[in-house]
C-alpha atoms as a PDB file:
ATOM      1  CA  UNK A   1       2.447 -88.017 -53.773  1.00  0.00           C
ATOM      2  CA  UNK A   2       2.774 -91.831 -53.776  1.00  0.00           C
ATOM      3  CA  UNK A   3       2.915 -91.908 -49.970  1.00  0.00           C
ATOM      4  CA  UNK A   4      -0.161 -89.768 -49.499  1.00  0.00           C
ATOM      5  CA  UNK A   5      -2.186 -91.723 -52.065  1.00  0.00           C
ATOM      6  CA  UNK A   6      -1.092 -94.918 -50.329  1.00  0.00           C
ATOM      7  CA  UNK A   7      -2.302 -93.623 -46.984  1.00  0.00           C
ATOM      8  CA  UNK A   8      -5.610 -92.555 -48.495  1.00  0.00           C
ATOM      9  CA  UNK A   9      -6.100 -95.861 -50.275  1.00  0.00           C
ATOM     10  CA  UNK A  10      -5.380 -97.790 -47.092  1.00  0.00           C
ATOM     11  CA  UNK A  11      -7.866 -95.680 -45.162  1.00  0.00           C
ATOM     12  CA  UNK A  12     -10.505 -95.997 -47.841  1.00  0.00           C
ATOM     13  CA  UNK A  13     -10.092 -99.777 -47.849  1.00  0.00           C
ATOM     14  CA  UNK A  14     -11.475 -99.846 -44.309  1.00  0.00           C
ATOM     15  CA  UNK A  15     -14.728 -98.293 -45.585  1.00  0.00           C
ATOM     16  CA  UNK A  16     -15.835 -97.593 -42.042  1.00  0.00           C
ATOM     17  CA  UNK A  17     -16.086 -94.449 -39.978  1.00  0.00           C
ATOM     18  CA  UNK A  18     -12.531 -94.791 -38.711  1.00  0.00           C
ATOM     19  CA  UNK A  19     -11.230 -95.454 -42.207  1.00  0.00           C
ATOM     20  CA  UNK A  20     -12.955 -92.412 -43.683  1.00  0.00           C
ATOM     21  CA  UNK A  21     -11.729 -90.235 -40.825  1.00  0.00           C
ATOM     22  CA  UNK A  22      -8.191 -91.379 -41.579  1.00  0.00           C
ATOM     23  CA  UNK A  23      -8.753 -90.534 -45.237  1.00  0.00           C
ATOM     24  CA  UNK A  24     -10.121 -87.105 -44.336  1.00  0.00           C
ATOM     25  CA  UNK A  25      -7.158 -86.324 -42.118  1.00  0.00           C
ATOM     26  CA  UNK A  26      -4.690 -87.523 -44.747  1.00  0.00           C
ATOM     27  CA  UNK A  27      -6.265 -85.347 -47.435  1.00  0.00           C
ATOM     28  CA  UNK A  28      -6.469 -82.360 -45.104  1.00  0.00           C
ATOM     29  CA  UNK A  29      -2.809 -82.682 -44.112  1.00  0.00           C
ATOM     30  CA  UNK A  30      -1.741 -83.118 -47.717  1.00  0.00           C
ATOM     31  CA  UNK A  31      -3.508 -80.008 -49.023  1.00  0.00           C
ATOM     32  CA  UNK A  32      -4.060 -77.657 -46.079  1.00  0.00           C
ATOM     33  CA  UNK A  33      -1.580 -78.360 -43.273  1.00  0.00           C
ATOM     34  CA  UNK A  34       1.867 -76.798 -43.833  1.00  0.00           C
ATOM     35  CA  UNK A  35       3.129 -78.435 -40.632  1.00  0.00           C
ATOM     36  CA  UNK A  36       2.589 -81.933 -42.007  1.00  0.00           C
ATOM     37  CA  UNK A  37       5.684 -83.493 -43.550  1.00  0.00           C
ATOM     38  CA  UNK A  38       3.433 -85.014 -46.209  1.00  0.00           C
ATOM     39  CA  UNK A  39       1.886 -81.717 -47.292  1.00  0.00           C
ATOM     40  CA  UNK A  40       2.362 -79.937 -50.593  1.00  0.00           C
ATOM     41  CA  UNK A  41       3.642 -76.897 -48.709  1.00  0.00           C
ATOM     42  CA  UNK A  42       6.235 -78.920 -46.781  1.00  0.00           C
ATOM     43  CA  UNK A  43       7.601 -80.363 -50.018  1.00  0.00           C
ATOM     44  CA  UNK A  44       7.875 -76.884 -51.539  1.00  0.00           C
ATOM     45  CA  UNK A  45       9.485 -75.409 -48.419  1.00  0.00           C
ATOM     46  CA  UNK A  46      12.064 -78.218 -48.363  1.00  0.00           C
ATOM     47  CA  UNK A  47      12.919 -77.700 -52.036  1.00  0.00           C
ATOM     48  CA  UNK A  48      11.367 -80.976 -53.196  1.00  0.00           C
ATOM     49  CA  UNK A  49       8.696 -79.284 -55.278  1.00  0.00           C
ATOM     50  CA  UNK A  50       7.676 -75.996 -56.811  1.00  0.00           C
ATOM     51  CA  UNK A  51       4.613 -73.853 -56.218  1.00  0.00           C
ATOM     52  CA  UNK A  52       1.644 -74.952 -58.285  1.00  0.00           C
ATOM     53  CA  UNK A  53       0.654 -71.414 -59.177  1.00  0.00           C
ATOM     54  CA  UNK A  54       3.999 -69.836 -59.952  1.00  0.00           C
ATOM     55  CA  UNK A  55       5.968 -72.226 -62.140  1.00  0.00           C
ATOM     56  CA  UNK A  56       5.385 -70.130 -65.267  1.00  0.00           C
ATOM     57  CA  UNK A  57       7.108 -67.156 -63.626  1.00  0.00           C
ATOM     58  CA  UNK A  58      10.345 -68.831 -62.586  1.00  0.00           C
ATOM     59  CA  UNK A  59      12.452 -67.993 -65.660  1.00  0.00           C
ATOM     60  CA  UNK A  60      10.808 -64.712 -66.658  1.00  0.00           C
ATOM     61  CA  UNK A  61      13.491 -61.941 -66.687  1.00  0.00           C
ATOM     62  CA  UNK A  62      10.901 -59.302 -65.861  1.00  0.00           C
ATOM     63  CA  UNK A  63       9.755 -61.303 -62.844  1.00  0.00           C
ATOM     64  CA  UNK A  64      13.347 -61.793 -61.728  1.00  0.00           C
ATOM     65  CA  UNK A  65      14.008 -58.042 -61.928  1.00  0.00           C
ATOM     66  CA  UNK A  66      10.777 -57.321 -60.065  1.00  0.00           C
ATOM     67  CA  UNK A  67      11.562 -59.823 -57.331  1.00  0.00           C
ATOM     68  CA  UNK A  68      14.938 -58.172 -56.705  1.00  0.00           C
ATOM     69  CA  UNK A  69      13.220 -54.774 -56.507  1.00  0.00           C
ATOM     70  CA  UNK A  70      10.580 -56.129 -54.174  1.00  0.00           C
ATOM     71  CA  UNK A  71      13.061 -57.701 -51.765  1.00  0.00           C
ATOM     72  CA  UNK A  72      14.816 -54.341 -51.480  1.00  0.00           C
ATOM     73  CA  UNK A  73      11.732 -52.130 -51.242  1.00  0.00           C
ATOM     74  CA  UNK A  74       9.409 -54.166 -49.014  1.00  0.00           C
ATOM     75  CA  UNK A  75       8.719 -53.363 -45.383  1.00  0.00           C
ATOM     76  CA  UNK A  76       7.032 -55.518 -42.753  1.00  0.00           C
ATOM     77  CA  UNK A  77       3.311 -55.086 -42.133  1.00  0.00           C
ATOM     78  CA  UNK A  78       1.026 -56.961 -39.750  1.00  0.00           C
ATOM     79  CA  UNK A  79      -2.659 -57.217 -38.857  1.00  0.00           C
ATOM     80  CA  UNK A  80      -4.645 -59.172 -36.307  1.00  0.00           C
ATOM     81  CA  UNK A  81      -6.154 -62.344 -37.773  1.00  0.00           C
ATOM     82  CA  UNK A  82      -9.914 -62.093 -38.261  1.00  0.00           C
ATOM     83  CA  UNK A  83     -10.561 -65.585 -36.911  1.00  0.00           C
ATOM     84  CA  UNK A  84      -8.403 -67.402 -34.400  1.00  0.00           C
ATOM     85  CA  UNK A  85      -6.477 -64.378 -33.193  1.00  0.00           C
ATOM     86  CA  UNK A  86      -2.773 -63.750 -33.418  1.00  0.00           C
ATOM     87  CA  UNK A  87      -0.707 -61.804 -35.919  1.00  0.00           C
ATOM     88  CA  UNK A  88      -0.671 -62.216 -39.679  1.00  0.00           C
ATOM     89  CA  UNK A  89       2.303 -60.977 -41.675  1.00  0.00           C
ATOM     90  CA  UNK A  90       2.554 -59.267 -45.018  1.00  0.00           C
ATOM     91  CA  UNK A  91       4.540 -56.585 -46.819  1.00  0.00           C
ATOM     92  CA  UNK A  92       3.878 -52.974 -47.771  1.00  0.00           C
ATOM     93  CA  UNK A  93       5.579 -50.455 -50.025  1.00  0.00           C
ATOM     94  CA  UNK A  94       4.288 -46.897 -49.795  1.00  0.00           C
ATOM     95  CA  UNK A  95       3.943 -45.168 -53.121  1.00  0.00           C
ATOM     96  CA  UNK A  96       6.058 -42.256 -54.320  1.00  0.00           C
ATOM     97  CA  UNK A  97       5.071 -39.136 -52.446  1.00  0.00           C
ATOM     98  CA  UNK A  98       3.416 -40.966 -49.544  1.00  0.00           C
ATOM     99  CA  UNK A  99       5.000 -39.808 -46.281  1.00  0.00           C
ATOM    100  CA  UNK A 100       4.084 -41.477 -42.955  1.00  0.00           C
ATOM    101  CA  UNK A 101       3.813 -39.206 -39.940  1.00  0.00           C
ATOM    102  CA  UNK A 102       5.217 -39.942 -36.489  1.00  0.00           C
ATOM    103  CA  UNK A 103       1.963 -41.595 -35.399  1.00  0.00           C
ATOM    104  CA  UNK A 104       2.174 -44.107 -38.269  1.00  0.00           C
ATOM    105  CA  UNK A 105      -0.552 -42.497 -40.349  1.00  0.00           C
ATOM    106  CA  UNK A 106      -0.205 -40.729 -43.657  1.00  0.00           C
ATOM    107  CA  UNK A 107       1.159 -37.219 -43.255  1.00  0.00           C
ATOM    108  CA  UNK A 108      -1.083 -34.442 -44.596  1.00  0.00           C
ATOM    109  CA  UNK A 109       2.099 -32.990 -46.097  1.00  0.00           C
ATOM    110  CA  UNK A 110       2.505 -35.985 -48.431  1.00  0.00           C
ATOM    111  CA  UNK A 111       2.935 -34.642 -51.985  1.00  0.00           C
ATOM    112  CA  UNK A 112       0.963 -37.555 -53.426  1.00  0.00           C
ATOM    113  CA  UNK A 113      -2.609 -36.486 -54.176  1.00  0.00           C
ATOM    114  CA  UNK A 114      -3.932 -39.653 -55.835  1.00  0.00           C
ATOM    115  CA  UNK A 115      -4.343 -41.761 -52.670  1.00  0.00           C
ATOM    116  CA  UNK A 116      -4.209 -45.000 -54.709  1.00  0.00           C
ATOM    117  CA  UNK A 117      -3.611 -48.339 -52.964  1.00  0.00           C
ATOM    118  CA  UNK A 118      -3.462 -51.841 -54.412  1.00  0.00           C
ATOM    119  CA  UNK A 119      -3.714 -55.023 -52.319  1.00  0.00           C
ATOM    120  CA  UNK A 120      -2.159 -58.006 -54.116  1.00  0.00           C
ATOM    121  CA  UNK A 121      -3.187 -61.546 -53.108  1.00  0.00           C
ATOM    122  CA  UNK A 122      -1.036 -64.503 -54.185  1.00  0.00           C
ATOM    123  CA  UNK A 123      -1.979 -68.054 -55.106  1.00  0.00           C
ATOM    124  CA  UNK A 124      -1.947 -71.463 -53.453  1.00  0.00           C
ATOM    125  CA  UNK A 125       1.529 -72.673 -52.469  1.00  0.00           C
ATOM    126  CA  UNK A 126       2.955 -69.273 -53.445  1.00  0.00           C
ATOM    127  CA  UNK A 127       4.119 -66.195 -51.574  1.00  0.00           C
ATOM    128  CA  UNK A 128       3.776 -62.408 -51.842  1.00  0.00           C
ATOM    129  CA  UNK A 129       6.941 -62.047 -53.935  1.00  0.00           C
ATOM    130  CA  UNK A 130       5.218 -64.025 -56.715  1.00  0.00           C
ATOM    131  CA  UNK A 131       3.339 -60.785 -57.410  1.00  0.00           C
ATOM    132  CA  UNK A 132       6.445 -58.600 -57.352  1.00  0.00           C
ATOM    133  CA  UNK A 133       5.922 -57.751 -61.030  1.00  0.00           C
ATOM    134  CA  UNK A 134       2.435 -56.435 -60.404  1.00  0.00           C
ATOM    135  CA  UNK A 135       3.723 -54.572 -57.343  1.00  0.00           C
ATOM    136  CA  UNK A 136       6.582 -52.930 -59.233  1.00  0.00           C
ATOM    137  CA  UNK A 137       4.393 -51.796 -62.133  1.00  0.00           C
ATOM    138  CA  UNK A 138       1.760 -50.430 -59.762  1.00  0.00           C
ATOM    139  CA  UNK A 139       4.379 -48.617 -57.694  1.00  0.00           C
ATOM    140  CA  UNK A 140       5.826 -47.031 -60.811  1.00  0.00           C
ATOM    141  CA  UNK A 141       2.305 -45.836 -61.629  1.00  0.00           C
ATOM    142  CA  UNK A 142       2.052 -44.121 -58.248  1.00  0.00           C
ATOM    143  CA  UNK A 143       0.299 -46.774 -56.169  1.00  0.00           C
ATOM    144  CA  UNK A 144       1.098 -47.872 -52.653  1.00  0.00           C
ATOM    145  CA  UNK A 145       1.067 -51.678 -52.567  1.00  0.00           C
ATOM    146  CA  UNK A 146       0.182 -54.139 -49.820  1.00  0.00           C
ATOM    147  CA  UNK A 147       1.014 -57.827 -50.231  1.00  0.00           C
ATOM    148  CA  UNK A 148      -0.460 -60.041 -47.497  1.00  0.00           C
ATOM    149  CA  UNK A 149       0.800 -63.585 -47.029  1.00  0.00           C
ATOM    150  CA  UNK A 150      -2.124 -66.004 -47.018  1.00  0.00           C
ATOM    151  CA  UNK A 151      -2.718 -68.341 -44.109  1.00  0.00           C
ATOM    152  CA  UNK A 152      -0.385 -71.341 -44.291  1.00  0.00           C
ATOM    153  CA  UNK A 153       2.059 -69.474 -46.543  1.00  0.00           C
ATOM    154  CA  UNK A 154       5.377 -67.645 -46.178  1.00  0.00           C
ATOM    155  CA  UNK A 155       5.573 -66.161 -42.651  1.00  0.00           C
ATOM    156  CA  UNK A 156       2.086 -67.403 -41.807  1.00  0.00           C
ATOM    157  CA  UNK A 157       2.950 -71.103 -42.072  1.00  0.00           C
ATOM    158  CA  UNK A 158       1.816 -71.727 -38.514  1.00  0.00           C
ATOM    159  CA  UNK A 159      -1.820 -71.758 -39.692  1.00  0.00           C
ATOM    160  CA  UNK A 160      -3.915 -74.055 -41.805  1.00  0.00           C
ATOM    161  CA  UNK A 161      -4.474 -72.942 -45.394  1.00  0.00           C
ATOM    162  CA  UNK A 162      -7.708 -70.968 -45.737  1.00  0.00           C
ATOM    163  CA  UNK A 163      -8.077 -71.430 -49.524  1.00  0.00           C
ATOM    164  CA  UNK A 164      -9.175 -67.799 -49.854  1.00  0.00           C
ATOM    165  CA  UNK A 165     -12.196 -68.211 -47.569  1.00  0.00           C
ATOM    166  CA  UNK A 166     -10.582 -67.445 -44.216  1.00  0.00           C
ATOM    167  CA  UNK A 167      -8.210 -65.085 -46.017  1.00  0.00           C
ATOM    168  CA  UNK A 168     -11.146 -62.979 -47.233  1.00  0.00           C
ATOM    169  CA  UNK A 169     -12.007 -62.120 -43.638  1.00  0.00           C
ATOM    170  CA  UNK A 170      -8.344 -61.307 -43.017  1.00  0.00           C
ATOM    171  CA  UNK A 171      -8.374 -59.148 -46.134  1.00  0.00           C
ATOM    172  CA  UNK A 172     -10.913 -56.921 -44.422  1.00  0.00           C
ATOM    173  CA  UNK A 173      -8.271 -56.283 -41.732  1.00  0.00           C
ATOM    174  CA  UNK A 174      -5.688 -55.303 -44.352  1.00  0.00           C
ATOM    175  CA  UNK A 175      -8.226 -52.954 -45.917  1.00  0.00           C
ATOM    176  CA  UNK A 176      -8.903 -51.386 -42.528  1.00  0.00           C
ATOM    177  CA  UNK A 177      -5.171 -50.938 -41.991  1.00  0.00           C
ATOM    178  CA  UNK A 178      -5.030 -48.798 -45.132  1.00  0.00           C
ATOM    179  CA  UNK A 179      -8.172 -46.851 -44.225  1.00  0.00           C
ATOM    180  CA  UNK A 180      -6.730 -46.080 -40.787  1.00  0.00           C
ATOM    181  CA  UNK A 181      -3.477 -44.963 -42.410  1.00  0.00           C
ATOM    182  CA  UNK A 182      -5.267 -42.863 -45.029  1.00  0.00           C
ATOM    183  CA  UNK A 183      -9.036 -42.249 -44.748  1.00  0.00           C
ATOM    184  CA  UNK A 184      -8.962 -40.744 -48.263  1.00  0.00           C
ATOM    185  CA  UNK A 185      -7.575 -43.972 -49.716  1.00  0.00           C
ATOM    186  CA  UNK A 186      -8.902 -45.368 -52.990  1.00  0.00           C
ATOM    187  CA  UNK A 187      -8.293 -49.106 -52.809  1.00  0.00           C
ATOM    188  CA  UNK A 188      -8.252 -51.848 -55.450  1.00  0.00           C
ATOM    189  CA  UNK A 189      -8.064 -55.582 -54.736  1.00  0.00           C
ATOM    190  CA  UNK A 190      -6.189 -57.903 -57.106  1.00  0.00           C
ATOM    191  CA  UNK A 191      -5.711 -61.658 -56.796  1.00  0.00           C
ATOM    192  CA  UNK A 192      -4.423 -64.603 -58.804  1.00  0.00           C
ATOM    193  CA  UNK A 193      -5.810 -68.154 -58.447  1.00  0.00           C
ATOM    194  CA  UNK A 194      -6.412 -68.718 -54.712  1.00  0.00           C
ATOM    195  CA  UNK A 195      -5.826 -64.979 -54.283  1.00  0.00           C
ATOM    196  CA  UNK A 196      -8.471 -64.382 -56.947  1.00  0.00           C
ATOM    197  CA  UNK A 197     -10.883 -66.581 -55.001  1.00  0.00           C
ATOM    198  CA  UNK A 198      -9.976 -64.539 -51.918  1.00  0.00           C
ATOM    199  CA  UNK A 199     -10.854 -61.172 -53.462  1.00  0.00           C
ATOM    200  CA  UNK A 200     -14.080 -62.589 -54.908  1.00  0.00           C
ATOM    201  CA  UNK A 201     -14.990 -64.064 -51.522  1.00  0.00           C
ATOM    202  CA  UNK A 202     -14.388 -60.612 -50.043  1.00  0.00           C
ATOM    203  CA  UNK A 203     -16.535 -58.922 -52.703  1.00  0.00           C
ATOM    204  CA  UNK A 204     -19.763 -59.794 -50.913  1.00  0.00           C
ATOM    205  CA  UNK A 205     -18.594 -58.700 -47.467  1.00  0.00           C
ATOM    206  CA  UNK A 206     -19.263 -55.276 -45.990  1.00  0.00           C
ATOM    207  CA  UNK A 207     -16.518 -53.468 -47.867  1.00  0.00           C
ATOM    208  CA  UNK A 208     -15.843 -49.863 -46.858  1.00  0.00           C
ATOM    209  CA  UNK A 209     -16.413 -47.154 -49.490  1.00  0.00           C
ATOM    210  CA  UNK A 210     -12.657 -46.775 -49.951  1.00  0.00           C
ATOM    211  CA  UNK A 211     -12.641 -50.093 -51.884  1.00  0.00           C
ATOM    212  CA  UNK A 212     -13.364 -49.003 -55.452  1.00  0.00           C
ATOM    213  CA  UNK A 213     -12.801 -52.099 -57.635  1.00  0.00           C
ATOM    214  CA  UNK A 214     -11.624 -55.732 -57.777  1.00  0.00           C
ATOM    215  CA  UNK A 215      -9.557 -57.669 -60.322  1.00  0.00           C
ATOM    216  CA  UNK A 216      -9.558 -61.476 -60.238  1.00  0.00           C
ATOM    217  CA  UNK A 217      -7.312 -63.626 -62.426  1.00  0.00           C
ATOM    218  CA  UNK A 218      -8.139 -67.356 -62.782  1.00  0.00           C
ATOM    219  CA  UNK A 219     -10.003 -67.814 -59.512  1.00  0.00           C
ATOM    220  CA  UNK A 220     -12.173 -70.851 -58.741  1.00  0.00           C
ATOM    221  CA  UNK A 221     -15.901 -71.043 -58.106  1.00  0.00           C
ATOM    222  CA  UNK A 222     -15.613 -72.720 -54.694  1.00  0.00           C
ATOM    223  CA  UNK A 223     -13.099 -74.640 -52.632  1.00  0.00           C
ATOM    224  CA  UNK A 224     -15.177 -77.783 -53.085  1.00  0.00           C
ATOM    225  CA  UNK A 225     -15.167 -77.443 -56.885  1.00  0.00           C
ATOM    226  CA  UNK A 226     -11.417 -76.867 -57.023  1.00  0.00           C
ATOM    227  CA  UNK A 227     -10.484 -79.701 -54.672  1.00  0.00           C
ATOM    228  CA  UNK A 228     -12.833 -82.036 -56.505  1.00  0.00           C
ATOM    229  CA  UNK A 229     -11.069 -81.112 -59.737  1.00  0.00           C
ATOM    230  CA  UNK A 230      -7.685 -81.933 -58.236  1.00  0.00           C
ATOM    231  CA  UNK A 231      -8.893 -85.185 -56.678  1.00  0.00           C
ATOM    232  CA  UNK A 232      -9.385 -86.437 -60.203  1.00  0.00           C
ATOM    233  CA  UNK A 233      -6.547 -84.729 -62.053  1.00  0.00           C
ATOM    234  CA  UNK A 234      -3.717 -85.040 -59.508  1.00  0.00           C
ATOM    235  CA  UNK A 235      -4.688 -87.996 -57.337  1.00  0.00           C
ATOM    236  CA  UNK A 236      -7.065 -90.038 -59.501  1.00  0.00           C
ATOM    237  CA  UNK A 237      -9.349 -90.651 -56.537  1.00  0.00           C
ATOM    238  CA  UNK A 238     -13.154 -90.563 -56.266  1.00  0.00           C
ATOM    239  CA  UNK A 239     -14.657 -87.377 -54.853  1.00  0.00           C
ATOM    240  CA  UNK A 240     -17.299 -89.224 -52.847  1.00  0.00           C
ATOM    241  CA  UNK A 241     -16.953 -90.188 -50.058  1.00  0.00           C
ATOM    242  CA  UNK A 242     -13.301 -89.093 -49.777  1.00  0.00           C
ATOM    243  CA  UNK A 243     -13.660 -85.329 -50.200  1.00  0.00           C
ATOM    244  CA  UNK A 244     -16.730 -85.409 -47.964  1.00  0.00           C
ATOM    245  CA  UNK A 245     -14.539 -86.918 -45.248  1.00  0.00           C
ATOM    246  CA  UNK A 246     -11.870 -84.251 -45.762  1.00  0.00           C
ATOM    247  CA  UNK A 247     -14.514 -81.545 -45.507  1.00  0.00           C
ATOM    248  CA  UNK A 248     -15.719 -82.891 -42.166  1.00  0.00           C
ATOM    249  CA  UNK A 249     -12.139 -82.854 -40.886  1.00  0.00           C
ATOM    250  CA  UNK A 250     -11.607 -79.307 -42.201  1.00  0.00           C
ATOM    251  CA  UNK A 251     -14.673 -78.069 -40.334  1.00  0.00           C
ATOM    252  CA  UNK A 252     -13.272 -79.409 -37.084  1.00  0.00           C
ATOM    253  CA  UNK A 253      -9.612 -78.505 -37.556  1.00  0.00           C
ATOM    254  CA  UNK A 254      -9.770 -75.271 -39.595  1.00  0.00           C
ATOM    255  CA  UNK A 255     -13.302 -74.029 -38.979  1.00  0.00           C
ATOM    256  CA  UNK A 256     -14.736 -73.961 -42.505  1.00  0.00           C
ATOM    257  CA  UNK A 257     -16.359 -76.235 -45.032  1.00  0.00           C
ATOM    258  CA  UNK A 258     -15.396 -76.616 -48.672  1.00  0.00           C
ATOM    259  CA  UNK A 259     -18.926 -76.045 -49.959  1.00  0.00           C
ATOM    260  CA  UNK A 260     -19.585 -72.907 -47.907  1.00  0.00           C
ATOM    261  CA  UNK A 261     -16.297 -71.436 -49.164  1.00  0.00           C
ATOM    262  CA  UNK A 262     -17.933 -70.242 -52.364  1.00  0.00           C
ATOM    263  CA  UNK A 263     -16.844 -67.324 -54.525  1.00  0.00           C
ATOM    264  CA  UNK A 264     -20.074 -67.707 -56.501  1.00  0.00           C
ATOM    265  CA  UNK A 265     -22.234 -67.103 -53.431  1.00  0.00           C
ATOM    266  CA  UNK A 266     -20.236 -64.056 -52.360  1.00  0.00           C
ATOM    267  CA  UNK A 267     -20.317 -62.569 -55.863  1.00  0.00           C
ATOM    268  CA  UNK A 268     -24.105 -62.524 -55.685  1.00  0.00           C
ATOM    269  CA  UNK A 269     -23.672 -59.717 -53.147  1.00  0.00           C
ATOM    270  CA  UNK A 270     -20.858 -57.882 -54.927  1.00  0.00           C
ATOM    271  CA  UNK A 271     -21.316 -54.150 -55.453  1.00  0.00           C
ATOM    272  CA  UNK A 272     -18.014 -52.721 -56.726  1.00  0.00           C
ATOM    273  CA  UNK A 273     -16.781 -52.856 -60.338  1.00  0.00           C
ATOM    274  CA  UNK A 274     -15.111 -56.188 -61.108  1.00  0.00           C
ATOM    275  CA  UNK A 275     -12.776 -57.483 -63.803  1.00  0.00           C
ATOM    276  CA  UNK A 276     -12.617 -61.241 -64.471  1.00  0.00           C
ATOM    277  CA  UNK A 277      -9.583 -62.710 -66.309  1.00  0.00           C
ATOM    278  CA  UNK A 278      -8.908 -66.310 -67.348  1.00  0.00           C
ATOM    279  CA  UNK A 279      -6.707 -68.223 -69.766  1.00  0.00           C
ATOM    280  CA  UNK A 280      -8.526 -70.526 -72.186  1.00  0.00           C
ATOM    281  CA  UNK A 281      -5.959 -73.320 -71.711  1.00  0.00           C
ATOM    282  CA  UNK A 282      -6.197 -73.324 -67.924  1.00  0.00           C
ATOM    283  CA  UNK A 283      -6.834 -76.849 -66.666  1.00  0.00           C
ATOM    284  CA  UNK A 284      -5.760 -76.361 -63.023  1.00  0.00           C
ATOM    285  CA  UNK A 285      -8.653 -73.946 -62.448  1.00  0.00           C
ATOM    286  CA  UNK A 286     -10.760 -74.828 -65.495  1.00  0.00           C
ATOM    287  CA  UNK A 287     -11.591 -72.058 -67.928  1.00  0.00           C
ATOM    288  CA  UNK A 288     -15.284 -73.022 -67.761  1.00  0.00           C
ATOM    289  CA  UNK A 289     -15.412 -71.482 -64.260  1.00  0.00           C
ATOM    290  CA  UNK A 290     -15.013 -67.984 -65.747  1.00  0.00           C
ATOM    291  CA  UNK A 291     -18.571 -67.740 -67.060  1.00  0.00           C
ATOM    292  CA  UNK A 292     -20.102 -69.129 -63.862  1.00  0.00           C
ATOM    293  CA  UNK A 293     -18.260 -66.528 -61.785  1.00  0.00           C
ATOM    294  CA  UNK A 294     -19.037 -63.662 -64.150  1.00  0.00           C
ATOM    295  CA  UNK A 295     -22.709 -64.579 -64.397  1.00  0.00           C
ATOM    296  CA  UNK A 296     -23.012 -64.786 -60.599  1.00  0.00           C
ATOM    297  CA  UNK A 297     -21.546 -61.324 -60.059  1.00  0.00           C
ATOM    298  CA  UNK A 298     -24.207 -58.829 -59.009  1.00  0.00           C
ATOM    299  CA  UNK A 299     -22.077 -55.737 -59.642  1.00  0.00           C
ATOM    300  CA  UNK A 300     -23.603 -53.245 -62.031  1.00  0.00           C
ATOM    301  CA  UNK A 301     -20.180 -52.834 -63.607  1.00  0.00           C
ATOM    302  CA  UNK A 302     -18.338 -56.013 -64.562  1.00  0.00           C
ATOM    303  CA  UNK A 303     -16.005 -57.067 -67.355  1.00  0.00           C
ATOM    304  CA  UNK A 304     -14.473 -60.360 -68.421  1.00  0.00           C
ATOM    305  CA  UNK A 305     -11.425 -60.953 -70.584  1.00  0.00           C
ATOM    306  CA  UNK A 306     -10.070 -64.242 -71.942  1.00  0.00           C
ATOM    307  CA  UNK A 307      -6.499 -64.915 -73.017  1.00  0.00           C
ATOM    308  CA  UNK A 308      -6.351 -67.460 -75.792  1.00  0.00           C
ATOM    309  CA  UNK A 309      -4.002 -70.400 -75.115  1.00  0.00           C
ATOM    310  CA  UNK A 310      -2.916 -69.164 -71.682  1.00  0.00           C
ATOM    311  CA  UNK A 311      -2.490 -71.740 -68.937  1.00  0.00           C
ATOM    312  CA  UNK A 312      -3.085 -71.305 -65.244  1.00  0.00           C
ATOM    313  CA  UNK A 313      -1.915 -67.923 -63.958  1.00  0.00           C
ATOM    314  CA  UNK A 314      -0.120 -67.306 -67.262  1.00  0.00           C
ATOM    315  CA  UNK A 315      -2.386 -64.760 -68.941  1.00  0.00           C
ATOM    316  CA  UNK A 316       0.034 -61.944 -68.082  1.00  0.00           C
ATOM    317  CA  UNK A 317       2.813 -63.871 -69.821  1.00  0.00           C
ATOM    318  CA  UNK A 318       0.843 -64.923 -72.866  1.00  0.00           C
ATOM    319  CA  UNK A 319       0.177 -61.340 -73.980  1.00  0.00           C
ATOM    320  CA  UNK A 320       1.824 -58.895 -71.544  1.00  0.00           C
ATOM    321  CA  UNK A 321       0.915 -55.766 -73.486  1.00  0.00           C
ATOM    322  CA  UNK A 322      -2.780 -56.570 -73.671  1.00  0.00           C
ATOM    323  CA  UNK A 323      -2.859 -57.874 -70.097  1.00  0.00           C
ATOM    324  CA  UNK A 324      -1.322 -54.816 -68.442  1.00  0.00           C
ATOM    325  CA  UNK A 325      -3.273 -52.427 -70.668  1.00  0.00           C
ATOM    326  CA  UNK A 326      -6.486 -54.197 -69.630  1.00  0.00           C
ATOM    327  CA  UNK A 327      -5.697 -54.252 -65.904  1.00  0.00           C
ATOM    328  CA  UNK A 328      -4.239 -50.750 -65.673  1.00  0.00           C
ATOM    329  CA  UNK A 329      -7.073 -49.285 -67.740  1.00  0.00           C
ATOM    330  CA  UNK A 330      -9.619 -50.868 -65.414  1.00  0.00           C
ATOM    331  CA  UNK A 331      -7.821 -49.670 -62.276  1.00  0.00           C
ATOM    332  CA  UNK A 332      -7.454 -46.089 -63.443  1.00  0.00           C
ATOM    333  CA  UNK A 333     -11.116 -45.930 -64.517  1.00  0.00           C
ATOM    334  CA  UNK A 334     -12.278 -46.633 -60.977  1.00  0.00           C
ATOM    335  CA  UNK A 335      -9.481 -45.159 -58.886  1.00  0.00           C
END
């Protein structure tokens, strides 16, 4: 952190076009480029740091049990990236009673009659196994589960981080994979933090009718809002003109802008039932964002639930019984 702030400060001191470009590149590499040795992801991958979104789960016995189950049960799954081409990796676990046929599609002889599928989207600096607990509980309830790795994460580290925006377009490919496998599928989307932003950013896209509902847990309003928050909290740096410079670099290098990457804007076109969850003690993605997201959502059916005293991504830990009852009740109402 000291090195990256030093590089940014030195660039900012120039106060010219070249200096701001250097600042923009330094910020971009720090937050969004897993290949940079100075990046958050590189530090986590080398063991020097821990994922920002998953620290609360590390010592949870339930999560440890679920991770062991997940590592045994998971199978490789891939889709073509929506933008930029190439293959994106994830994991899938077919539900009890789901039998693939020789052509890779669901066999009509499968004893399962529910056709329920849940796509689980992890958070920034995390990986699919962070949601092993959700996957295990859903599988026990009869769901098939798909766990994509976000761009810049796990086996997709060869790409820049999409912060949910680029991943939302990729999510459409994962949805289509399920629909091709099982045209009768009833699909729910679930995401935490960056994954929550991803499913909200997908909510306003042209979702197929097989997508029945969406659950978001502690997602942010936009990439700009979240990065601006962290500029102050983590780096103690001014947003303007530094984040503006990073946004210009991101447009060139990754193909998107922080302001356009807005969950709020996409929610204004949402049509499926949505559940919004947030912990009141969340400071990483501030709790105040919950109402802005909920109010923006155009879905005729929407619910919001707060968890008193829960920090970022920790609502499921703060009151597990209430959390899982809320989520499972919502899923079964619309699937």
